[in-house]
Every structure is written in C-alpha cells, then in structure tokens.
Protein backbone atom coordinates (compact mmCIF):
# COMPACT_ATOMS: atom_id res chain seq x y z
CA MET A 1 -7.25 70.28 -40.86
CA TYR A 2 -10.80 68.97 -41.03
CA TYR A 3 -12.24 67.86 -44.38
CA VAL A 4 -15.89 67.55 -45.41
CA ARG A 5 -15.97 65.35 -48.52
CA ASP A 6 -18.81 65.04 -51.05
CA ILE A 7 -21.64 65.12 -48.52
CA THR A 8 -25.00 64.30 -50.10
CA VAL A 9 -28.36 64.21 -48.32
CA LYS A 10 -31.67 63.36 -49.99
CA TYR A 11 -35.25 63.43 -48.79
CA GLY A 12 -37.19 61.39 -51.31
CA GLU A 13 -36.68 63.08 -54.67
CA ARG A 14 -35.39 66.27 -53.08
CA VAL A 15 -31.61 66.69 -52.88
CA LEU A 16 -30.92 68.80 -49.79
CA LEU A 17 -27.11 68.69 -50.02
CA ASP A 18 -25.42 67.74 -53.28
CA GLU A 19 -21.79 66.53 -52.98
CA VAL A 20 -20.85 69.33 -50.59
CA SER A 21 -17.11 69.63 -49.87
CA PHE A 22 -14.96 72.11 -47.97
CA MET A 23 -11.98 72.29 -45.63
CA ILE A 24 -11.95 73.64 -42.07
CA SER A 25 -8.74 75.07 -40.64
CA PRO A 26 -7.85 75.09 -36.93
CA LYS A 27 -9.05 78.12 -34.95
CA GLU A 28 -11.39 79.34 -37.67
CA ARG A 29 -14.71 80.86 -36.61
CA ILE A 30 -17.21 79.94 -39.30
CA GLY A 31 -20.72 81.29 -39.72
CA LEU A 32 -22.98 78.76 -41.45
CA ILE A 33 -25.84 80.68 -43.08
CA GLY A 34 -28.69 80.14 -45.51
CA ARG A 35 -32.46 80.22 -45.79
CA ASN A 36 -34.62 78.13 -43.49
CA GLY A 37 -34.69 74.57 -44.81
CA ALA A 38 -31.51 75.01 -46.86
CA GLY A 39 -29.72 72.29 -44.87
CA LYS A 40 -27.61 74.25 -42.37
CA SER A 41 -28.59 72.26 -39.29
CA THR A 42 -28.43 68.99 -41.21
CA LEU A 43 -24.88 69.78 -42.31
CA LEU A 44 -23.88 70.80 -38.78
CA LYS A 45 -25.24 67.54 -37.35
CA ILE A 46 -23.28 65.55 -39.94
CA ILE A 47 -20.04 67.37 -39.05
CA ALA A 48 -20.80 66.66 -35.38
CA SER A 49 -21.37 62.97 -36.21
CA GLU A 50 -24.92 63.32 -34.90
CA SER A 51 -26.35 62.32 -38.28
CA ARG A 52 -25.20 60.33 -41.32
CA PRO A 53 -25.27 61.52 -44.94
CA ASP A 54 -26.55 59.39 -47.79
CA SER A 55 -23.06 59.55 -49.24
CA GLY A 56 -19.77 61.31 -48.56
CA PHE A 57 -17.56 61.29 -45.48
CA LEU A 58 -15.64 63.32 -42.92
CA GLU A 59 -11.87 63.29 -42.64
CA PHE A 60 -10.80 64.50 -39.18
CA PRO A 61 -7.61 63.92 -37.18
CA SER A 62 -7.89 60.94 -34.86
CA LYS A 63 -9.21 61.63 -31.35
CA THR A 64 -10.60 65.03 -32.37
CA THR A 65 -12.86 66.27 -29.56
CA ILE A 66 -16.20 67.55 -30.85
CA GLY A 67 -18.83 69.57 -29.02
CA TYR A 68 -22.31 70.22 -30.38
CA LEU A 69 -25.01 72.39 -28.81
CA ARG A 70 -28.25 70.57 -29.52
CA GLN A 71 -31.66 72.19 -29.58
CA GLU A 72 -32.75 69.32 -27.31
CA PHE A 73 -30.66 68.41 -24.26
CA GLU A 74 -30.68 66.23 -21.16
CA LEU A 75 -29.81 67.56 -17.72
CA ASN A 76 -29.93 65.98 -14.27
CA GLU A 77 -32.86 67.90 -12.81
CA THR A 78 -32.07 66.83 -9.23
CA ARG A 79 -28.58 68.35 -9.11
CA ILE A 80 -27.85 71.90 -8.09
CA LEU A 81 -26.68 74.21 -10.87
CA LEU A 82 -22.99 74.26 -9.93
CA ASP A 83 -22.76 70.46 -9.70
CA GLU A 84 -24.59 69.96 -12.99
CA ALA A 85 -22.29 72.37 -14.81
CA MET A 86 -19.19 70.73 -13.37
CA SER A 87 -20.50 67.28 -14.30
CA CYS A 88 -19.27 67.96 -17.84
CA HIS A 89 -15.99 66.57 -16.50
CA GLU A 90 -17.74 63.42 -15.31
CA GLU A 91 -14.69 61.58 -13.98
CA ALA A 92 -13.52 64.55 -11.92
CA PHE A 93 -17.07 65.07 -10.67
CA LEU A 94 -17.35 61.42 -9.57
CA ILE A 95 -13.97 61.55 -7.83
CA GLN A 96 -15.04 64.65 -5.90
CA ASN A 97 -18.23 62.86 -4.83
CA GLN A 98 -16.14 59.92 -3.60
CA LEU A 99 -13.88 62.28 -1.67
CA ASP A 100 -16.89 63.97 -0.10
CA ALA A 101 -18.22 60.58 1.01
CA ILE A 102 -14.83 59.52 2.45
CA ASN A 103 -14.39 62.79 4.33
CA LEU A 104 -17.88 62.44 5.74
CA GLU A 105 -17.14 58.90 6.92
CA LEU A 106 -13.76 59.86 8.38
CA GLY A 107 -15.48 62.59 10.39
CA GLU A 108 -17.81 60.05 11.93
CA ARG A 109 -15.21 57.35 12.66
CA GLN A 110 -13.39 56.96 15.96
CA ASP A 111 -11.33 53.82 15.17
CA PHE A 112 -8.26 55.74 14.11
CA GLU A 113 -5.93 52.75 14.47
CA SER A 114 -8.03 50.26 12.49
CA ASP A 115 -7.10 48.82 9.09
CA SER A 116 -10.34 50.08 7.54
CA TYR A 117 -9.58 53.61 8.71
CA ALA A 118 -6.09 53.33 7.20
CA ARG A 119 -7.59 52.15 3.88
CA LEU A 120 -9.88 55.16 3.88
CA LEU A 121 -6.87 57.44 4.30
CA GLU A 122 -5.11 55.66 1.42
CA ASP A 123 -8.18 56.07 -0.78
CA LEU A 124 -8.38 59.72 0.21
CA SER A 125 -4.75 60.28 -0.81
CA SER A 126 -5.11 58.41 -4.10
CA LEU A 127 -8.32 60.15 -5.12
CA THR A 128 -6.94 63.56 -4.13
CA GLY A 129 -3.97 62.96 -6.45
CA ARG A 130 -6.26 61.99 -9.31
CA LEU A 131 -8.42 65.03 -8.74
CA GLU A 132 -5.41 67.33 -8.85
CA HIS A 133 -4.74 65.98 -12.35
CA PHE A 134 -8.03 67.59 -13.43
CA ASN A 135 -7.22 70.91 -11.75
CA TYR A 136 -10.56 70.55 -10.00
CA ALA A 137 -10.16 73.70 -7.91
CA THR A 138 -9.50 75.70 -11.08
CA LEU A 139 -12.43 73.93 -12.76
CA GLU A 140 -14.82 75.27 -10.14
CA VAL A 141 -13.49 78.80 -10.58
CA GLU A 142 -13.85 78.51 -14.37
CA THR A 143 -17.34 77.05 -13.99
CA ARG A 144 -18.47 79.96 -11.84
CA LYS A 145 -16.93 82.40 -14.32
CA ILE A 146 -18.72 80.89 -17.33
CA LEU A 147 -22.04 80.58 -15.51
CA LYS A 148 -21.87 84.22 -14.47
CA GLY A 149 -20.96 85.20 -18.03
CA LEU A 150 -24.14 83.48 -19.19
CA GLY A 151 -26.24 85.42 -16.70
CA PHE A 152 -26.40 83.22 -13.57
CA THR A 153 -25.83 84.70 -10.11
CA ASP A 154 -24.10 83.35 -6.99
CA LEU A 155 -27.53 82.62 -5.52
CA ASP A 156 -28.38 80.47 -8.55
CA PHE A 157 -25.45 78.10 -7.98
CA ALA A 158 -27.24 76.25 -5.16
CA ARG A 159 -30.62 76.06 -6.93
CA LYS A 160 -31.76 72.78 -8.43
CA VAL A 161 -31.73 72.47 -12.21
CA SER A 162 -35.45 71.68 -12.15
CA GLU A 163 -36.16 75.22 -10.92
CA PHE A 164 -34.90 76.84 -14.13
CA SER A 165 -36.94 77.52 -17.29
CA GLY A 166 -36.15 76.00 -20.68
CA GLY A 167 -34.17 79.03 -21.81
CA TRP A 168 -32.00 78.96 -18.69
CA LYS A 169 -31.50 75.20 -19.06
CA MET A 170 -30.12 75.89 -22.53
CA ARG A 171 -27.60 78.21 -20.88
CA ILE A 172 -26.60 75.40 -18.49
CA GLU A 173 -26.02 73.08 -21.46
CA LEU A 174 -24.00 75.79 -23.22
CA ALA A 175 -21.89 76.32 -20.09
CA LYS A 176 -21.12 72.58 -19.89
CA LEU A 177 -20.11 72.57 -23.54
CA LEU A 178 -17.78 75.55 -23.12
CA LEU A 179 -16.23 73.97 -20.03
CA ARG A 180 -15.40 70.83 -22.02
CA SER A 181 -13.54 73.07 -24.48
CA PRO A 182 -13.69 70.70 -27.50
CA GLU A 183 -11.33 71.21 -30.42
CA LEU A 184 -14.31 71.56 -32.78
CA LEU A 185 -17.17 73.54 -31.21
CA MET A 186 -20.52 73.68 -33.06
CA LEU A 187 -23.40 75.90 -31.95
CA ASP A 188 -26.89 75.97 -33.47
CA GLU A 189 -28.60 79.29 -32.68
CA PRO A 190 -26.72 79.85 -29.37
CA THR A 191 -28.11 83.36 -28.83
CA ASN A 192 -31.79 82.37 -28.97
CA HIS A 193 -32.30 82.46 -25.19
CA LEU A 194 -29.58 84.95 -24.23
CA ASP A 195 -29.96 88.57 -23.17
CA ILE A 196 -27.74 91.24 -24.68
CA GLU A 197 -25.17 91.12 -21.84
CA SER A 198 -24.78 87.35 -22.19
CA ILE A 199 -24.54 87.62 -25.98
CA ILE A 200 -21.71 90.14 -25.68
CA TRP A 201 -19.94 87.89 -23.15
CA LEU A 202 -20.32 84.88 -25.47
CA GLU A 203 -19.00 86.85 -28.43
CA ASN A 204 -15.83 87.76 -26.52
CA TYR A 205 -15.45 84.19 -25.26
CA LEU A 206 -15.69 82.72 -28.76
CA ILE A 207 -13.34 85.32 -30.26
CA ASP A 208 -10.62 84.05 -27.89
CA TYR A 209 -11.67 80.39 -28.08
CA PRO A 210 -8.60 78.15 -28.61
CA GLY A 211 -10.35 75.71 -30.96
CA THR A 212 -12.44 75.91 -34.13
CA VAL A 213 -15.99 77.29 -33.96
CA ILE A 214 -18.86 76.69 -36.39
CA VAL A 215 -22.05 78.58 -35.61
CA ILE A 216 -25.53 78.86 -37.10
CA SER A 217 -27.22 82.13 -36.19
CA HIS A 218 -29.76 84.61 -37.51
CA ASP A 219 -28.16 87.27 -35.31
CA ILE A 220 -26.28 89.33 -37.89
CA GLN A 221 -24.32 91.37 -35.34
CA PHE A 222 -23.24 88.18 -33.57
CA LEU A 223 -21.97 86.73 -36.87
CA GLU A 224 -20.19 89.99 -37.67
CA ASN A 225 -18.44 90.14 -34.29
CA VAL A 226 -17.44 86.48 -34.02
CA CYS A 227 -16.91 84.95 -37.47
CA ASN A 228 -13.97 85.37 -39.83
CA ARG A 229 -15.42 83.08 -42.52
CA ILE A 230 -18.92 82.65 -43.96
CA ILE A 231 -20.22 79.47 -45.62
CA GLU A 232 -23.58 79.93 -47.32
CA VAL A 233 -25.78 76.89 -47.95
CA GLU A 234 -27.95 77.42 -51.02
CA ALA A 235 -29.72 75.14 -53.50
CA GLY A 236 -27.85 72.04 -52.31
CA ASP A 237 -24.40 73.60 -52.58
CA VAL A 238 -22.12 75.71 -50.39
CA TYR A 239 -20.49 79.02 -51.23
CA ASP A 240 -17.37 79.83 -49.25
CA TYR A 241 -16.28 83.34 -48.32
CA LYS A 242 -13.21 83.88 -46.16
CA LEU A 243 -14.63 87.22 -45.06
CA ARG A 244 -16.44 88.79 -42.15
CA TYR A 245 -20.22 88.96 -42.46
CA SER A 246 -20.35 92.61 -43.57
CA GLN A 247 -17.65 91.94 -46.16
CA PHE A 248 -19.61 88.89 -47.33
CA ILE A 249 -22.74 91.03 -47.82
CA SER A 250 -20.71 93.60 -49.76
CA GLU A 251 -19.22 90.87 -51.95
CA LYS A 252 -22.67 89.39 -52.58
CA GLU A 253 -23.95 92.82 -53.66
CA LYS A 254 -21.03 93.18 -56.07
CA GLN A 255 -21.73 89.74 -57.53
CA LYS A 256 -25.42 90.59 -57.83
CA THR A 257 -24.58 93.85 -59.65
CA ILE A 258 -22.21 92.03 -62.01
CA GLN A 259 -24.79 89.31 -62.70
CA GLN A 260 -27.53 91.90 -63.28
CA SER A 261 -25.28 93.85 -65.64
CA ALA A 262 -24.38 90.67 -67.52
CA TYR A 263 -28.08 89.77 -67.78
CA GLU A 264 -29.01 93.22 -69.10
CA ASN A 265 -26.18 93.09 -71.65
CA GLN A 266 -27.37 89.65 -72.73
CA GLN A 267 -30.95 90.90 -73.13
CA ARG A 268 -29.78 93.91 -75.18
CA ASP A 269 -27.72 91.59 -77.37
CA ILE A 270 -30.69 89.28 -77.87
CA ALA A 271 -32.97 92.24 -78.72
CA GLN A 272 -30.45 93.61 -81.23
CA LYS A 273 -30.09 90.23 -82.92
CA GLU A 274 -33.87 89.80 -83.09
CA LYS A 275 -34.19 93.27 -84.65
CA THR A 276 -31.51 92.45 -87.23
CA ILE A 277 -33.16 89.15 -88.06
CA SER A 278 -36.53 90.87 -88.50
CA ARG A 279 -35.01 93.51 -90.79
CA PHE A 280 -33.34 90.94 -92.97
CA MET A 281 -36.47 88.82 -93.08
CA ALA A 282 -38.52 91.87 -94.14
CA LYS A 283 -35.94 92.73 -96.77
CA ALA A 284 -35.96 89.18 -98.06
CA THR A 285 -39.77 89.26 -98.31
CA LYS A 286 -39.70 92.53 -100.24
CA THR A 287 -37.07 91.14 -102.60
CA LYS A 288 -39.22 88.12 -103.34
CA MET A 289 -42.28 90.35 -103.98
CA ALA A 290 -40.32 92.55 -106.44
CA GLN A 291 -38.98 89.54 -108.26
CA SER A 292 -42.50 88.15 -108.54
CA MET A 293 -43.86 91.44 -109.97
CA GLN A 294 -40.95 91.66 -112.41
CA LYS A 295 -41.74 88.20 -113.69
CA GLN A 296 -45.37 89.22 -114.18
CA LEU A 297 -44.29 92.29 -116.22
CA GLN A 298 -42.00 90.19 -118.36
CA LYS A 299 -44.98 88.09 -119.36
C-alpha cells in the first residue's frame, strides 16, 4: 500500500491543497482530475517526490520504484532512437557499449596468444554474463515493440534523437519510462502528442500494466478506458470515487440532484417560516391596535 498523509501546499495566502490524505492500492489505475489550477500536477509531483509539500508526508514501501512522465525532459540528442530508448537501463546499455568496443578490438588484433588478448576474452565473457542478467536481447525486442506502439517505424530506429520534433521526443521519453516498468507509474497528460492509434495502444498497455498507474488527462475516453478509480481535486480537498469515469459522472449527477433538491426544500421551508412569522406579526399588530381603540372607548 502507498499512503498520502495530510499533504498541504500553500502559495502565499492561498491554500492549494489542505491536509489531503488517501491510500493507493497496488495495481490500481487512478485518474486524477480537477479544474486547471486545482493542484493536480502539484499533487502528482509530490507523490513522485519531484516536489515537497509545506506539510504532510508520503508513506511508501522501501525501495519502491517510481516513474514520472515530466512535461520537460532531457534526452541525448546525439544518440540514435533505439539506443536512447534502451538507455533507460543504463547499466545494461553501458555493458553493451563495452562489449561492442571489445569485439571491435578483438577483430583488429592478431596477437592471439598474448596476455592482453586473453584479458580481453575474459572481459568479454564476464560482461556477456552480466548482460544476460538484464535479458538484453529481450530488452531490445521489447524496446522495438513499445516504440512501434507509440508510432515509430523501423526506419526511425536509426535516426538521431535530434531529428525528431518535441511531440515525438515526448514519445521517446514515454517509451523509456514504460521500459523501466516502475511499480508506481505517474503520467501527466500522456496523450497530448499522441495520435489515435498510439492512444489506443497506450490504453491497452496500461490496462495490463503490472504496477500502479496514476494519470492526469483531459481525454475523457482515455480515462474511461484505463482508470478504475477517480480522485477529484477540488477547493483544496480530494474526493475519492472507486468507479470508472462514466460511473463517476453519473454519481456526481446524482449528488448534484440530491443537493439541489435539499436546497430547494430548504428554501421552501425558509419561505414558509417567513410567511408564518409575517402573519403572526400582522396579527400581533392588529391585536395591539384593537386594544388601543378599546382603551380609548373606555375613556
């Protein structure tokens, strides 16, 4: 379980989040919604440990892996697409680079009986064993699969990152995040730069995602297809609905109808009481006038 405890965020006199608390269960797919400026992105950044609240804390299991799709990101512009995507597993990527360098050197060497050649073979064996631990061959297959799901083609794999536009670079960052497969995956407007085919692919990927997903999105259909819980941020508080988005909307309409009915009943009650008060006040005034006239007659 993941616990968000009494999170408070202030900007001057304005309280953006006021002692917000809720629990997150493993494998939930949560849609974080609310009006612009309500504090959704701020709350997401706090959960991702990208920002600190003024008060409150997070209670997560130790060594929880967290992934957060930022609106701003840093990529190595000089790498080709496939290498940049696979660099999300940095250690495996570095080992592969070392192996490539060793194989290149071995191909150029002729001193097969020398000690240095033997050491190269030992390094090759050791690094190959370490790389197998990462399932590097499978990693490349998975990388290609995710990149294609996000709209890249085979021809794109050898293109430099610098050749892609900002929207496509966001897809690269998203691919790297999905490849890391963190236990707690947080996405802020992930569909902004995706076409319909890529959105559908991402929906299916997240539905089967093995970890917990928290997503901010204005794409109602995306929320409906992916999320099984809605948390609404409003007026500094959160309102929790363990429902799909369409069910959440229906529940909100029911609550609105109940509140409107209660308000109308209250107004009718107030009007009736005011009418009764006026009648009694008029009656009391008439009584006083009659008593005054009676006294005058008695004189």
